[in-house]
Amino acid sequence: MSTLISLSSTTVHYAVTADAHPGALPRVLELFALRNITPDLVRVSKYRTAAFREGNLSIDVHVSGLSPDEQAIILQKLSAQVSVQNVREEVLFQKNRAKLVS
């Protein structure tokens, strides 16, 4: 008897605002490395604001293939980082497909 199972391919965008501290970016990326996840895209920009003399980092990370549980854990861990001011999560692409298993 064959069974139909659903496979999900999801790409998630994490938009992180952090202090422009030299350790901020490695701390953010370490969360993925500790879970053996290689991001599809990492983009970092430094900008200045009146409130923060040293400036801020805008860190965009795209990751595909995460389960909803992994997404929630990463969001929670990113938000708990010392130098992180704000984190936003957005699902960019979600494709569900079915696979026939014998």
Protein backbone atom coordinates (compact mmCIF):
# COMPACT_ATOMS: atom_id res chain seq x y z
CA MET A 1 0.00 0.00 0.00
CA SER A 2 1.31 3.44 -0.93
CA THR A 3 1.07 6.52 1.28
CA LEU A 4 1.05 10.15 0.20
CA ILE A 5 3.14 12.44 2.40
CA SER A 6 3.50 16.21 2.21
CA LEU A 7 6.96 17.75 1.83
CA SER A 8 7.45 21.43 2.56
CA SER A 9 10.15 23.68 1.16
CA THR A 10 10.12 27.00 3.00
CA THR A 11 12.47 29.97 2.77
CA VAL A 12 12.51 32.23 5.81
CA HIS A 13 13.94 35.75 6.01
CA TYR A 14 15.23 36.92 9.38
CA ALA A 15 15.68 40.72 9.48
CA VAL A 16 17.88 41.57 12.46
CA THR A 17 18.80 45.02 13.78
CA ALA A 18 21.80 44.91 16.09
CA ASP A 19 24.38 47.20 17.65
CA ALA A 20 27.34 47.84 15.36
CA HIS A 21 29.56 45.86 17.69
CA PRO A 22 32.29 43.60 16.22
CA GLY A 23 30.83 40.55 17.98
CA ALA A 24 27.21 41.04 16.86
CA LEU A 25 27.45 39.39 13.44
CA PRO A 26 29.40 36.30 14.60
CA ARG A 27 26.88 35.78 17.43
CA VAL A 28 23.96 35.88 15.01
CA LEU A 29 25.60 33.48 12.55
CA GLU A 30 26.70 31.14 15.34
CA LEU A 31 23.04 30.34 16.08
CA PHE A 32 22.76 28.78 12.63
CA ALA A 33 26.16 27.06 12.76
CA LEU A 34 25.32 25.39 16.08
CA ARG A 35 22.30 23.79 14.37
CA ASN A 36 24.37 22.72 11.35
CA ILE A 37 22.47 25.18 9.11
CA THR A 38 24.16 27.08 6.30
CA PRO A 39 22.12 30.16 5.35
CA ASP A 40 21.26 30.69 1.68
CA LEU A 41 22.00 34.40 1.94
CA VAL A 42 23.58 36.73 4.50
CA ARG A 43 23.60 40.48 3.88
CA VAL A 44 24.94 43.04 6.37
CA SER A 45 24.86 46.83 6.26
CA LYS A 46 26.10 49.32 8.84
CA TYR A 47 24.21 52.58 9.28
CA ARG A 48 24.15 55.43 11.78
CA THR A 49 21.22 56.88 13.69
CA ALA A 50 20.91 59.83 16.05
CA ALA A 51 20.09 57.50 18.95
CA PHE A 52 23.16 55.29 18.52
CA ARG A 53 26.47 57.06 17.95
CA GLU A 54 28.27 53.82 17.05
CA GLY A 55 25.56 52.89 14.58
CA ASN A 56 23.54 49.78 13.91
CA LEU A 57 23.82 46.68 11.77
CA SER A 58 21.06 45.52 9.49
CA ILE A 59 21.52 41.76 9.11
CA ASP A 60 19.38 39.83 6.63
CA VAL A 61 19.55 36.04 6.73
CA HIS A 62 17.64 33.75 4.33
CA VAL A 63 17.35 30.08 5.23
CA SER A 64 15.45 27.34 3.44
CA GLY A 65 14.21 23.99 4.68
CA LEU A 66 13.43 24.89 8.31
CA SER A 67 10.55 23.27 10.14
CA PRO A 68 8.10 25.57 11.97
CA ASP A 69 9.67 24.47 15.28
CA GLU A 70 13.18 25.36 14.07
CA GLN A 71 11.91 28.72 12.84
CA ALA A 72 10.45 29.53 16.26
CA ILE A 73 13.58 28.44 18.13
CA ILE A 74 15.87 30.51 15.92
CA LEU A 75 13.60 33.56 16.25
CA GLN A 76 13.62 33.20 20.05
CA LYS A 77 17.40 32.73 20.20
CA LEU A 78 18.06 35.69 17.91
CA SER A 79 15.82 37.93 20.02
CA ALA A 80 17.73 36.91 23.17
CA GLN A 81 21.14 37.96 21.82
CA VAL A 82 22.75 40.77 23.85
CA SER A 83 23.47 43.16 20.98
CA VAL A 84 20.25 42.45 19.03
CA GLN A 85 17.66 45.24 19.19
CA ASN A 86 14.95 43.83 16.95
CA VAL A 87 14.19 40.68 14.93
CA ARG A 88 11.52 40.20 12.32
CA GLU A 89 10.73 36.89 10.65
CA GLU A 90 9.04 36.59 7.29
CA VAL A 91 8.25 33.51 5.20
CA LEU A 92 9.37 34.38 1.67
CA PHE A 93 8.51 31.21 -0.14
CA GLN A 94 6.57 28.13 0.79
CA LYS A 95 6.03 25.29 -1.61
CA ASN A 96 4.19 22.17 -0.57
CA ARG A 97 4.51 19.10 -2.67
CA ALA A 98 3.43 15.54 -2.22
CA LYS A 99 5.53 12.42 -2.42
CA LEU A 100 4.20 8.93 -2.92
CA VAL A 101 5.84 6.45 -0.57
CA SER A 102 5.43 2.72 -1.11
